C-alpha atoms as a PDB file:
ATOM      1  CA  MET A   1       6.976  30.521  -2.647  1.00  0.00           C
ATOM      2  CA  ILE A   2       5.608  26.684  -1.620  1.00  0.00           C
ATOM      3  CA  ALA A   3       4.007  26.512   1.533  1.00  0.00           C
ATOM      4  CA  ASP A   4       5.335  24.476   4.594  1.00  0.00           C
ATOM      5  CA  ALA A   5       2.475  22.081   4.725  1.00  0.00           C
ATOM      6  CA  ASN A   6       2.708  21.215   1.223  1.00  0.00           C
ATOM      7  CA  LEU A   7       6.522  20.373   1.390  1.00  0.00           C
ATOM      8  CA  PRO A   8       5.920  17.006   2.507  1.00  0.00           C
ATOM      9  CA  ALA A   9       3.812  15.902  -0.048  1.00  0.00           C
ATOM     10  CA  ILE A  10       6.107  17.136  -2.654  1.00  0.00           C
ATOM     11  CA  PHE A  11       8.938  15.047  -1.743  1.00  0.00           C
ATOM     12  CA  ALA A  12       6.388  12.007  -1.179  1.00  0.00           C
ATOM     13  CA  ALA A  13       5.251  12.656  -5.096  1.00  0.00           C
ATOM     14  CA  LEU A  14       9.894  12.594  -5.718  1.00  0.00           C
ATOM     15  CA  MET A  15       9.747   9.551  -3.513  1.00  0.00           C
ATOM     16  CA  ALA A  16       6.593   7.764  -5.935  1.00  0.00           C
ATOM     17  CA  LEU A  17       8.171   9.081  -8.860  1.00  0.00           C
ATOM     18  CA  SER A  18      11.430   7.125  -8.293  1.00  0.00           C
ATOM     19  CA  VAL A  19      10.138   4.523  -7.161  1.00  0.00           C
ATOM     20  CA  ILE A  20       7.797   3.734  -9.868  1.00  0.00           C
ATOM     21  CA  VAL A  21      10.772   4.568 -12.339  1.00  0.00           C
ATOM     22  CA  TYR A  22      12.880   2.598 -10.897  1.00  0.00           C
ATOM     23  CA  ALA A  23      10.195  -0.851 -10.917  1.00  0.00           C
ATOM     24  CA  ILE A  24      10.030  -0.332 -15.016  1.00  0.00           C
ATOM     25  CA  LEU A  25      13.270  -0.120 -15.559  1.00  0.00           C
ATOM     26  CA  ASP A  26      15.017  -2.241 -13.139  1.00  0.00           C
ATOM     27  CA  GLY A  27      12.463  -4.524 -13.427  1.00  0.00           C
ATOM     28  CA  TYR A  28      13.012  -5.229 -16.662  1.00  0.00           C
ATOM     29  CA  ASP A  29      16.584  -6.042 -16.401  1.00  0.00           C
ATOM     30  CA  LEU A  30      15.612  -8.239 -13.393  1.00  0.00           C
ATOM     31  CA  GLY A  31      13.297 -10.016 -15.204  1.00  0.00           C
ATOM     32  CA  VAL A  32      15.686 -10.238 -17.942  1.00  0.00           C
ATOM     33  CA  GLY A  33      17.975 -11.926 -15.458  1.00  0.00           C
ATOM     34  CA  ILE A  34      15.228 -14.325 -13.932  1.00  0.00           C
ATOM     35  CA  LEU A  35      14.626 -15.369 -17.794  1.00  0.00           C
ATOM     36  CA  LEU A  36      18.070 -15.994 -18.318  1.00  0.00           C
ATOM     37  CA  PRO A  37      18.529 -20.045 -19.795  1.00  0.00           C
ATOM     38  CA  LEU A  38      20.802 -22.063 -18.874  1.00  0.00           C
ATOM     39  CA  ASN A  39      20.979 -24.053 -21.761  1.00  0.00           C
ATOM     40  CA  ASN A  40      21.738 -22.236 -24.430  1.00  0.00           C
ATOM     41  CA  ASP A  41      24.406 -19.636 -23.923  1.00  0.00           C
ATOM     42  CA  GLN A  42      23.853 -17.802 -27.751  1.00  0.00           C
ATOM     43  CA  GLN A  43      20.682 -16.465 -26.267  1.00  0.00           C
ATOM     44  CA  ALA A  44      22.067 -15.733 -23.050  1.00  0.00           C
ATOM     45  CA  ASP A  45      24.463 -13.556 -24.128  1.00  0.00           C
ATOM     46  CA  GLN A  46      21.741 -11.339 -26.400  1.00  0.00           C
ATOM     47  CA  MET A  47      19.804 -11.538 -23.234  1.00  0.00           C
ATOM     48  CA  ILE A  48      22.404  -9.802 -21.770  1.00  0.00           C
ATOM     49  CA  ALA A  49      23.571  -7.678 -24.381  1.00  0.00           C
ATOM     50  CA  SER A  50      19.804  -6.481 -24.261  1.00  0.00           C
ATOM     51  CA  ILE A  51      20.088  -4.648 -20.793  1.00  0.00           C
ATOM     52  CA  GLY A  52      24.230  -4.007 -21.032  1.00  0.00           C
ATOM     53  CA  PRO A  53      23.989  -0.407 -21.774  1.00  0.00           C
ATOM     54  CA  PHE A  54      20.974   0.499 -18.784  1.00  0.00           C
ATOM     55  CA  TRP A  55      21.301  -2.265 -16.319  1.00  0.00           C
ATOM     56  CA  ASP A  56      23.609  -0.232 -13.738  1.00  0.00           C
ATOM     57  CA  ALA A  57      22.160   3.160 -14.327  1.00  0.00           C
ATOM     58  CA  ASN A  58      18.725   1.500 -14.003  1.00  0.00           C
ATOM     59  CA  GLU A  59      19.663   1.369 -10.061  1.00  0.00           C
ATOM     60  CA  THR A  60      20.490   4.856  -9.494  1.00  0.00           C
ATOM     61  CA  TRP A  61      16.309   5.376  -8.800  1.00  0.00           C
ATOM     62  CA  LEU A  62      16.258   2.910  -6.293  1.00  0.00           C
ATOM     63  CA  VAL A  63      19.232   4.739  -4.780  1.00  0.00           C
ATOM     64  CA  MET A  64      17.577   8.023  -5.261  1.00  0.00           C
ATOM     65  CA  ALA A  65      14.264   6.591  -3.419  1.00  0.00           C
ATOM     66  CA  VAL A  66      15.967   5.561  -0.478  1.00  0.00           C
ATOM     67  CA  GLY A  67      18.093   8.543  -0.459  1.00  0.00           C
ATOM     68  CA  LEU A  68      14.882  10.812  -0.436  1.00  0.00           C
ATOM     69  CA  LEU A  69      13.468   8.508   2.247  1.00  0.00           C
ATOM     70  CA  LEU A  70      16.076   8.697   4.496  1.00  0.00           C
ATOM     71  CA  ILE A  71      16.501  12.634   3.817  1.00  0.00           C
ATOM     72  CA  ALA A  72      12.402  14.038   4.021  1.00  0.00           C
ATOM     73  CA  PHE A  73      10.969  11.442   6.145  1.00  0.00           C
ATOM     74  CA  PRO A  74      14.102  10.054   8.615  1.00  0.00           C
ATOM     75  CA  THR A  75      11.841   8.655  11.348  1.00  0.00           C
ATOM     76  CA  ALA A  76       9.946   6.453   8.484  1.00  0.00           C
ATOM     77  CA  HIS A  77      13.321   5.589   7.671  1.00  0.00           C
ATOM     78  CA  ASN A  78      14.061   4.461  10.792  1.00  0.00           C
ATOM     79  CA  VAL A  79      10.609   2.399  11.000  1.00  0.00           C
ATOM     80  CA  ILE A  80      10.928   0.712   7.796  1.00  0.00           C
ATOM     81  CA  LEU A  81      14.646  -0.440   7.409  1.00  0.00           C
ATOM     82  CA  LYS A  82      14.420  -1.460  10.828  1.00  0.00           C
ATOM     83  CA  ALA A  83      11.835  -3.720   9.735  1.00  0.00           C
ATOM     84  CA  LEU A  84      12.888  -4.740   6.857  1.00  0.00           C
ATOM     85  CA  TYR A  85      17.041  -5.282   7.773  1.00  0.00           C
ATOM     86  CA  ILE A  86      17.063  -8.703   6.771  1.00  0.00           C
ATOM     87  CA  PRO A  87      15.374  -8.771   3.443  1.00  0.00           C
ATOM     88  CA  SER A  88      17.119  -5.369   2.672  1.00  0.00           C
ATOM     89  CA  ALA A  89      20.222  -6.864   3.447  1.00  0.00           C
ATOM     90  CA  ILE A  90      19.344 -10.104   1.260  1.00  0.00           C
ATOM     91  CA  MET A  91      18.815  -8.079  -1.236  1.00  0.00           C
ATOM     92  CA  LEU A  92      21.863  -5.822  -1.396  1.00  0.00           C
ATOM     93  CA  VAL A  93      23.499  -9.737  -1.779  1.00  0.00           C
ATOM     94  CA  GLY A  94      21.866 -10.584  -5.054  1.00  0.00           C
ATOM     95  CA  LEU A  95      22.381  -6.985  -6.433  1.00  0.00           C
ATOM     96  CA  ILE A  96      26.327  -7.548  -5.869  1.00  0.00           C
ATOM     97  CA  LEU A  97      26.250 -10.810  -7.337  1.00  0.00           C
ATOM     98  CA  ARG A  98      24.248  -9.656 -10.343  1.00  0.00           C
ATOM     99  CA  GLY A  99      27.227  -7.203 -10.609  1.00  0.00           C
ATOM    100  CA  VAL A 100      29.908  -9.482 -10.137  1.00  0.00           C
ATOM    101  CA  ALA A 101      28.036 -12.258 -12.885  1.00  0.00           C
ATOM    102  CA  PHE A 102      27.771  -9.642 -15.418  1.00  0.00           C
ATOM    103  CA  ASP A 103      31.515  -8.595 -15.792  1.00  0.00           C
ATOM    104  CA  PHE A 104      33.035 -12.169 -14.633  1.00  0.00           C
ATOM    105  CA  ARG A 105      30.943 -14.317 -17.132  1.00  0.00           C
ATOM    106  CA  ALA A 106      32.871 -12.212 -19.703  1.00  0.00           C
ATOM    107  CA  LYS A 107      36.110 -12.488 -18.422  1.00  0.00           C
ATOM    108  CA  VAL A 108      36.423 -16.289 -17.234  1.00  0.00           C
ATOM    109  CA  ALA A 109      36.770 -19.268 -19.660  1.00  0.00           C
ATOM    110  CA  GLN A 110      34.489 -20.230 -21.884  1.00  0.00           C
ATOM    111  CA  VAL A 111      33.521 -23.777 -19.718  1.00  0.00           C
ATOM    112  CA  ASN A 112      33.414 -21.619 -16.752  1.00  0.00           C
ATOM    113  CA  LYS A 113      30.847 -18.806 -17.935  1.00  0.00           C
ATOM    114  CA  HIS A 114      27.570 -21.343 -17.058  1.00  0.00           C
ATOM    115  CA  ARG A 115      28.251 -21.055 -14.001  1.00  0.00           C
ATOM    116  CA  TRP A 116      28.478 -17.103 -13.907  1.00  0.00           C
ATOM    117  CA  ASN A 117      25.035 -17.327 -15.799  1.00  0.00           C
ATOM    118  CA  GLN A 118      23.564 -19.071 -12.848  1.00  0.00           C
ATOM    119  CA  ILE A 119      25.122 -16.717 -10.445  1.00  0.00           C
ATOM    120  CA  PHE A 120      23.376 -13.887 -12.409  1.00  0.00           C
ATOM    121  CA  LYS A 121      19.879 -15.580 -12.446  1.00  0.00           C
ATOM    122  CA  LEU A 122      20.285 -16.775  -8.809  1.00  0.00           C
ATOM    123  CA  GLY A 123      20.909 -12.943  -7.848  1.00  0.00           C
ATOM    124  CA  SER A 124      18.064 -11.282 -10.029  1.00  0.00           C
ATOM    125  CA  CYS A 125      15.855 -14.156  -8.234  1.00  0.00           C
ATOM    126  CA  ILE A 126      17.195 -13.287  -5.348  1.00  0.00           C
ATOM    127  CA  ALA A 127      16.896  -9.421  -5.624  1.00  0.00           C
ATOM    128  CA  SER A 128      13.322  -9.256  -7.118  1.00  0.00           C
ATOM    129  CA  SER A 129      11.882 -11.871  -4.278  1.00  0.00           C
ATOM    130  CA  SER A 130      13.460  -9.649  -1.540  1.00  0.00           C
ATOM    131  CA  GLN A 131      11.737  -6.408  -3.107  1.00  0.00           C
ATOM    132  CA  GLY A 132       8.279  -8.331  -3.073  1.00  0.00           C
ATOM    133  CA  TYR A 133       8.706  -9.613   0.373  1.00  0.00           C
ATOM    134  CA  MET A 134       9.295  -5.811   1.421  1.00  0.00           C
ATOM    135  CA  LEU A 135       6.463  -4.698  -0.489  1.00  0.00           C
ATOM    136  CA  GLY A 136       4.133  -6.871   1.396  1.00  0.00           C
ATOM    137  CA  SER A 137       5.462  -6.475   4.776  1.00  0.00           C
ATOM    138  CA  PHE A 138       4.916  -3.113   4.262  1.00  0.00           C
ATOM    139  CA  VAL A 139       1.118  -3.355   3.041  1.00  0.00           C
ATOM    140  CA  MET A 140       0.962  -5.577   6.058  1.00  0.00           C
ATOM    141  CA  GLY A 141       1.886  -2.628   7.970  1.00  0.00           C
ATOM    142  CA  PHE A 142       5.087  -4.384   9.222  1.00  0.00           C
ATOM    143  CA  GLU A 143       3.086  -7.193  11.488  1.00  0.00           C
ATOM    144  CA  ALA A 144       5.043  -9.862  12.869  1.00  0.00           C
ATOM    145  CA  SER A 145       2.629 -12.645  12.308  1.00  0.00           C
ATOM    146  CA  PHE A 146       1.575 -16.107  10.738  1.00  0.00           C
ATOM    147  CA  MET A 147      -0.492 -13.804   7.868  1.00  0.00           C
ATOM    148  CA  ALA A 148       1.513 -10.971   7.535  1.00  0.00           C
ATOM    149  CA  TYR A 149       4.964 -13.432   6.448  1.00  0.00           C
ATOM    150  CA  ALA A 150       2.739 -15.467   4.422  1.00  0.00           C
ATOM    151  CA  PHE A 151       1.163 -12.271   2.275  1.00  0.00           C
ATOM    152  CA  ALA A 152       4.674 -11.066   2.338  1.00  0.00           C
ATOM    153  CA  ALA A 153       6.064 -14.738   0.467  1.00  0.00           C
ATOM    154  CA  LEU A 154       2.929 -14.185  -1.755  1.00  0.00           C
ATOM    155  CA  SER A 155       3.977 -10.795  -2.421  1.00  0.00           C
ATOM    156  CA  ALA A 156       7.431 -12.036  -3.679  1.00  0.00           C
ATOM    157  CA  LEU A 157       6.342 -14.686  -5.895  1.00  0.00           C
ATOM    158  CA  GLY A 158       4.084 -12.042  -7.297  1.00  0.00           C
ATOM    159  CA  VAL A 159       7.026  -9.055  -7.740  1.00  0.00           C
ATOM    160  CA  THR A 160       9.046 -11.437  -9.211  1.00  0.00           C
ATOM    161  CA  CYS A 161       6.481 -12.985 -11.826  1.00  0.00           C
ATOM    162  CA  ALA A 162       5.714  -8.733 -12.421  1.00  0.00           C
ATOM    163  CA  TYR A 163       9.442  -8.321 -13.336  1.00  0.00           C
ATOM    164  CA  ALA A 164       9.455 -11.329 -15.346  1.00  0.00           C
ATOM    165  CA  LEU A 165       6.454 -10.329 -17.617  1.00  0.00           C
ATOM    166  CA  ILE A 166       8.509  -7.078 -18.218  1.00  0.00           C
ATOM    167  CA  GLY A 167      11.344  -8.352 -18.854  1.00  0.00           C
ATOM    168  CA  SER A 168       9.737 -11.089 -21.380  1.00  0.00           C
ATOM    169  CA  THR A 169       8.179  -8.148 -23.032  1.00  0.00           C
ATOM    170  CA  TRP A 170      11.196  -6.053 -23.391  1.00  0.00           C
ATOM    171  CA  LEU A 171      13.293  -9.219 -24.809  1.00  0.00           C
ATOM    172  CA  ILE A 172      10.108  -8.863 -27.410  1.00  0.00           C
ATOM    173  CA  LEU A 173      11.002  -5.226 -27.583  1.00  0.00           C
ATOM    174  CA  LYS A 174      14.959  -5.772 -28.552  1.00  0.00           C
ATOM    175  CA  THR A 175      15.151  -8.984 -29.637  1.00  0.00           C
ATOM    176  CA  SER A 176      13.930 -11.544 -33.099  1.00  0.00           C
ATOM    177  CA  ASP A 177      13.731 -14.645 -34.378  1.00  0.00           C
ATOM    178  CA  ASP A 178      13.716 -17.420 -31.722  1.00  0.00           C
ATOM    179  CA  LEU A 179      14.452 -15.554 -29.054  1.00  0.00           C
ATOM    180  CA  GLN A 180      11.888 -13.295 -29.560  1.00  0.00           C
ATOM    181  CA  LEU A 181       9.379 -16.091 -30.071  1.00  0.00           C
ATOM    182  CA  ARG A 182      10.791 -17.804 -26.952  1.00  0.00           C
ATOM    183  CA  ALA A 183      10.063 -14.371 -24.903  1.00  0.00           C
ATOM    184  CA  ILE A 184       6.237 -14.066 -26.255  1.00  0.00           C
ATOM    185  CA  ASN A 185       5.692 -17.572 -24.680  1.00  0.00           C
ATOM    186  CA  TRP A 186       7.561 -16.243 -21.440  1.00  0.00           C
ATOM    187  CA  ALA A 187       5.448 -13.425 -21.678  1.00  0.00           C
ATOM    188  CA  LYS A 188       2.103 -15.202 -22.268  1.00  0.00           C
ATOM    189  CA  ILE A 189       2.839 -17.427 -18.752  1.00  0.00           C
ATOM    190  CA  THR A 190       3.961 -14.920 -16.601  1.00  0.00           C
ATOM    191  CA  GLY A 191       0.988 -12.492 -17.662  1.00  0.00           C
ATOM    192  CA  LYS A 192      -1.596 -14.894 -16.864  1.00  0.00           C
ATOM    193  CA  ILE A 193       0.147 -15.377 -12.930  1.00  0.00           C
ATOM    194  CA  SER A 194       0.848 -11.337 -12.988  1.00  0.00           C
ATOM    195  CA  PHE A 195      -3.001 -11.177 -13.567  1.00  0.00           C
ATOM    196  CA  ILE A 196      -4.054 -13.664 -10.696  1.00  0.00           C
ATOM    197  CA  GLY A 197      -1.005 -11.876  -8.027  1.00  0.00           C
ATOM    198  CA  ILE A 198      -3.072  -8.606  -8.629  1.00  0.00           C
ATOM    199  CA  LEU A 199      -6.389 -10.036  -8.655  1.00  0.00           C
ATOM    200  CA  ALA A 200      -5.555 -11.831  -5.040  1.00  0.00           C
ATOM    201  CA  VAL A 201      -3.990  -8.385  -4.017  1.00  0.00           C
ATOM    202  CA  CYS A 202      -6.886  -6.228  -4.767  1.00  0.00           C
ATOM    203  CA  ILE A 203      -9.057  -8.896  -3.022  1.00  0.00           C
ATOM    204  CA  VAL A 204      -6.714  -9.787   0.283  1.00  0.00           C
ATOM    205  CA  ASN A 205      -5.293  -6.258   0.839  1.00  0.00           C
ATOM    206  CA  PRO A 206      -9.051  -4.544   1.861  1.00  0.00           C
ATOM    207  CA  LEU A 207      -9.778  -7.392   3.842  1.00  0.00           C
ATOM    208  CA  ILE A 208      -6.512  -7.156   5.730  1.00  0.00           C
ATOM    209  CA  ASN A 209      -6.360  -3.279   6.147  1.00  0.00           C
ATOM    210  CA  GLN A 210      -9.591  -1.466   7.396  1.00  0.00           C
ATOM    211  CA  PHE A 211      -7.968   1.663   6.308  1.00  0.00           C
ATOM    212  CA  VAL A 212      -7.608   0.603   2.936  1.00  0.00           C
ATOM    213  CA  PHE A 213     -10.986  -1.233   3.208  1.00  0.00           C
ATOM    214  CA  GLU A 214     -12.576   2.606   3.829  1.00  0.00           C
ATOM    215  CA  ARG A 215     -10.673   4.031   1.605  1.00  0.00           C
ATOM    216  CA  TRP A 216     -12.207   1.380  -1.266  1.00  0.00           C
ATOM    217  CA  THR A 217     -15.533   2.049  -0.455  1.00  0.00           C
ATOM    218  CA  THR A 218     -16.360   4.958   0.370  1.00  0.00           C
ATOM    219  CA  ALA A 219     -16.916   8.191  -2.241  1.00  0.00           C
ATOM    220  CA  PRO A 220     -15.093   9.914  -3.943  1.00  0.00           C
ATOM    221  CA  PHE A 221     -11.964   7.744  -3.506  1.00  0.00           C
ATOM    222  CA  ALA A 222     -14.255   4.869  -4.287  1.00  0.00           C
ATOM    223  CA  TYR A 223     -14.887   5.614  -8.216  1.00  0.00           C
ATOM    224  CA  PHE A 224     -10.846   6.381  -8.462  1.00  0.00           C
ATOM    225  CA  MET A 225     -10.184   2.799  -7.132  1.00  0.00           C
ATOM    226  CA  ALA A 226     -12.339   1.213  -9.085  1.00  0.00           C
ATOM    227  CA  ILE A 227     -10.842   2.300 -12.305  1.00  0.00           C
ATOM    228  CA  VAL A 228      -7.646   0.751 -11.622  1.00  0.00           C
ATOM    229  CA  PRO A 229      -8.670  -2.775 -11.219  1.00  0.00           C
ATOM    230  CA  PHE A 230     -10.384  -2.300 -14.401  1.00  0.00           C
ATOM    231  CA  VAL A 231      -7.830  -0.531 -16.382  1.00  0.00           C
ATOM    232  CA  CYS A 232      -5.219  -2.832 -15.448  1.00  0.00           C
ATOM    233  CA  PHE A 233      -7.756  -6.158 -16.272  1.00  0.00           C
ATOM    234  CA  THR A 234      -8.500  -5.126 -19.670  1.00  0.00           C
ATOM    235  CA  LEU A 235      -4.982  -4.387 -20.321  1.00  0.00           C
ATOM    236  CA  PHE A 236      -3.999  -7.828 -19.383  1.00  0.00           C
ATOM    237  CA  LEU A 237      -6.880  -9.136 -21.909  1.00  0.00           C
ATOM    238  CA  ILE A 238      -5.770  -6.776 -24.831  1.00  0.00           C
ATOM    239  CA  GLY A 239      -2.026  -7.840 -23.945  1.00  0.00           C
ATOM    240  CA  HIS A 240      -3.300 -11.441 -24.346  1.00  0.00           C
ATOM    241  CA  LEU A 241      -4.882 -10.816 -27.647  1.00  0.00           C
ATOM    242  CA  VAL A 242      -1.485  -9.126 -28.878  1.00  0.00           C
ATOM    243  CA  LEU A 243       0.727 -11.759 -27.983  1.00  0.00           C
ATOM    244  CA  LYS A 244      -1.181 -14.180 -29.631  1.00  0.00           C
ATOM    245  CA  GLN A 245      -1.127 -12.008 -33.006  1.00  0.00           C
ATOM    246  CA  LEU A 246       3.331 -11.637 -32.568  1.00  0.00           C
ATOM    247  CA  PRO A 247       5.133 -11.861 -34.099  1.00  0.00           C
ATOM    248  CA  LEU A 248       3.975  -9.442 -37.268  1.00  0.00           C
ATOM    249  CA  LYS A 249       5.580  -8.827 -40.469  1.00  0.00           C
ATOM    250  CA  ASP A 250       8.868  -6.763 -40.121  1.00  0.00           C
ATOM    251  CA  ASP A 251       7.739  -7.252 -36.623  1.00  0.00           C
ATOM    252  CA  SER A 252       5.728  -4.075 -36.193  1.00  0.00           C
ATOM    253  CA  GLY A 253       3.890  -3.907 -32.778  1.00  0.00           C
ATOM    254  CA  CYS A 254       6.354  -5.588 -31.016  1.00  0.00           C
ATOM    255  CA  TRP A 255       6.899  -2.735 -28.677  1.00  0.00           C
ATOM    256  CA  LEU A 256       2.942  -2.993 -27.553  1.00  0.00           C
ATOM    257  CA  PRO A 257       3.193  -5.825 -24.787  1.00  0.00           C
ATOM    258  CA  PHE A 258       6.054  -3.808 -22.889  1.00  0.00           C
ATOM    259  CA  LEU A 259       4.210  -0.607 -23.817  1.00  0.00           C
ATOM    260  CA  ILE A 260       0.916  -2.207 -22.208  1.00  0.00           C
ATOM    261  CA  THR A 261       2.832  -3.531 -18.962  1.00  0.00           C
ATOM    262  CA  VAL A 262       4.384  -0.231 -18.218  1.00  0.00           C
ATOM    263  CA  VAL A 263       0.956   1.584 -17.873  1.00  0.00           C
ATOM    264  CA  VAL A 264      -0.500  -1.749 -15.900  1.00  0.00           C
ATOM    265  CA  TYR A 265       2.361  -0.919 -13.482  1.00  0.00           C
ATOM    266  CA  VAL A 266       1.763   2.811 -13.436  1.00  0.00           C
ATOM    267  CA  PHE A 267      -1.976   1.726 -12.408  1.00  0.00           C
ATOM    268  CA  CYS A 268      -1.011  -0.773  -9.985  1.00  0.00           C
ATOM    269  CA  PHE A 269       1.510   1.550  -8.891  1.00  0.00           C
ATOM    270  CA  CYS A 270      -0.615   4.261  -8.428  1.00  0.00           C
ATOM    271  CA  GLY A 271      -3.489   2.666  -6.668  1.00  0.00           C
ATOM    272  CA  LEU A 272      -1.216   1.424  -4.138  1.00  0.00           C
ATOM    273  CA  ALA A 273      -0.017   4.788  -3.224  1.00  0.00           C
ATOM    274  CA  PHE A 274      -3.653   5.745  -2.943  1.00  0.00           C
ATOM    275  CA  SER A 275      -4.742   3.075  -0.893  1.00  0.00           C
ATOM    276  CA  PHE A 276      -2.243   4.370   1.888  1.00  0.00           C
ATOM    277  CA  TYR A 277      -1.747   8.091   1.216  1.00  0.00           C
ATOM    278  CA  PRO A 278      -0.817   9.958   3.673  1.00  0.00           C
ATOM    279  CA  TYR A 279       1.061   7.085   5.547  1.00  0.00           C
ATOM    280  CA  VAL A 280       4.525   6.699   4.886  1.00  0.00           C
ATOM    281  CA  VAL A 281       4.303   3.959   7.466  1.00  0.00           C
ATOM    282  CA  PRO A 282       0.803   2.288   7.354  1.00  0.00           C
ATOM    283  CA  GLY A 283      -1.413   2.935  10.299  1.00  0.00           C
ATOM    284  CA  GLU A 284       1.419   4.479  12.036  1.00  0.00           C
ATOM    285  CA  LEU A 285       3.323   7.648  10.415  1.00  0.00           C
ATOM    286  CA  THR A 286       1.864  10.265   7.839  1.00  0.00           C
ATOM    287  CA  ILE A 287       3.821  11.764   5.385  1.00  0.00           C
ATOM    288  CA  TRP A 288       3.738  15.266   8.129  1.00  0.00           C
ATOM    289  CA  GLN A 289       4.136  13.254  11.242  1.00  0.00           C
ATOM    290  CA  ALA A 290       7.797  11.833   9.808  1.00  0.00           C
ATOM    291  CA  ALA A 291       8.865  14.762   7.406  1.00  0.00           C
ATOM    292  CA  SER A 292      12.132  16.952   7.998  1.00  0.00           C
ATOM    293  CA  ALA A 293      11.565  20.357   9.061  1.00  0.00           C
ATOM    294  CA  PRO A 294      10.726  22.792   6.754  1.00  0.00           C
ATOM    295  CA  GLU A 295      13.573  24.644   6.543  1.00  0.00           C
ATOM    296  CA  SER A 296      15.290  21.658   5.297  1.00  0.00           C
ATOM    297  CA  LEU A 297      13.337  20.229   3.306  1.00  0.00           C
ATOM    298  CA  ARG A 298      12.758  23.502   1.311  1.00  0.00           C
ATOM    299  CA  PHE A 299      17.106  23.324   1.516  1.00  0.00           C
ATOM    300  CA  ILE A 300      16.988  19.847  -0.375  1.00  0.00           C
ATOM    301  CA  LEU A 301      14.087  21.003  -2.931  1.00  0.00           C
ATOM    302  CA  TYR A 302      16.582  23.117  -4.592  1.00  0.00           C
ATOM    303  CA  GLY A 303      19.355  20.410  -4.921  1.00  0.00           C
ATOM    304  CA  ALA A 304      16.080  17.982  -5.779  1.00  0.00           C
ATOM    305  CA  LEU A 305      14.932  20.163  -8.845  1.00  0.00           C
ATOM    306  CA  ILE A 306      18.392  20.267 -10.113  1.00  0.00           C
ATOM    307  CA  VAL A 307      19.498  16.190  -9.982  1.00  0.00           C
ATOM    308  CA  ILE A 308      16.212  14.527 -10.727  1.00  0.00           C
ATOM    309  CA  PRO A 309      15.942  16.143 -14.099  1.00  0.00           C
ATOM    310  CA  CYS A 310      19.299  15.610 -14.662  1.00  0.00           C
ATOM    311  CA  ILE A 311      18.895  11.853 -14.514  1.00  0.00           C
ATOM    312  CA  LEU A 312      15.835  12.051 -15.911  1.00  0.00           C
ATOM    313  CA  ALA A 313      17.973  13.375 -18.804  1.00  0.00           C
ATOM    314  CA  TYR A 314      20.654  11.219 -19.101  1.00  0.00           C
ATOM    315  CA  THR A 315      18.738   7.898 -18.844  1.00  0.00           C
ATOM    316  CA  ILE A 316      16.127   9.058 -21.852  1.00  0.00           C
ATOM    317  CA  PHE A 317      19.209   9.979 -24.122  1.00  0.00           C
ATOM    318  CA  SER A 318      20.934   6.663 -22.791  1.00  0.00           C
ATOM    319  CA  TYR A 319      17.780   4.638 -24.252  1.00  0.00           C
ATOM    320  CA  ARG A 320      17.673   6.922 -27.407  1.00  0.00           C
ATOM    321  CA  VAL A 321      21.660   5.987 -28.169  1.00  0.00           C
ATOM    322  CA  PHE A 322      20.961   2.239 -27.877  1.00  0.00           C
ATOM    323  CA  TRP A 323      17.387   2.015 -29.401  1.00  0.00           C
ATOM    324  CA  GLY A 324      16.768  -0.789 -31.480  1.00  0.00           C
ATOM    325  CA  LYS A 325      17.381  -4.416 -31.766  1.00  0.00           C
ATOM    326  CA  VAL A 326      19.810  -6.004 -29.777  1.00  0.00           C
ATOM    327  CA  GLN A 327      23.331  -6.541 -31.349  1.00  0.00           C
ATOM    328  CA  ASP A 328      26.022  -9.295 -29.992  1.00  0.00           C
ATOM    329  CA  LEU A 329      27.384  -8.338 -26.947  1.00  0.00           C
ATOM    330  CA  LYS A 330      30.609  -7.349 -26.808  1.00  0.00           C
ATOM    331  CA  TYR A 331      33.363  -6.378 -24.058  1.00  0.00           C
ATOM    332  CA  TYR A 332      36.346  -4.123 -24.768  1.00  0.00           C
END
């Protein structure tokens, strides 16, 4: 029997899992949309084909994360959604534009296809920057100040570049020839920008948040927090060296940049989550203060332990079925 005091921590872990899986999976397909070329329809088709079997299902994890927040931490849900109502609405507009453009670009006359490529790219940029802005607002504790807005805007740019980075490494994995070479160049550029963004967050975050500063500088937590930037920056260096060697004979090693980027994502997320734990609303609500009644959490947990493994299973299965290099995009 799980103790009542442990239930909020379990749901926080499940919500964290949903967020990081979403950031990785929907992150790369948003990144592909951000990078979509408007001057080469053939490469644009290949890029769309690389995410075609996955992009819609990837958003399941966003629904899961928001649903867990609403059900398990309703008080925090009210505070967060009230503060982020406008950027959340803008994000949904971006996701809707992506969904509409994905289907319409294949149904319209060839002369109008370019317009829907533009809309798909625009929707990807809107959704990515909105998510980055919301992350920055969360880190700033939803303050309404110039510094908070500036940091949120910087975060919007950083997350957009990070999505472009993982999207470009996905294309290195899934494509070949000229498009793969172009993706390698994209990864080199976005990798440098993402490195600068993570470095900026590591410097700014503890300076603007006293709780984070104490967490990062007080033993034994400081030892763990020191590992996160060290690993991330080491992986950026390794990734840059790998990109300089690609493409290799027989396309070996094409999976390495994507794997390295995923590990960087995981470490960055762990560092961010650990910086604010146990707060679900920074400086305001802990997971125990915001949690639903233990009876409700216990009942919901039974369903979550069934649903989440099922989602993981069909996600793994779909990636297994569509593994390998991308083929021409087809609609039936």
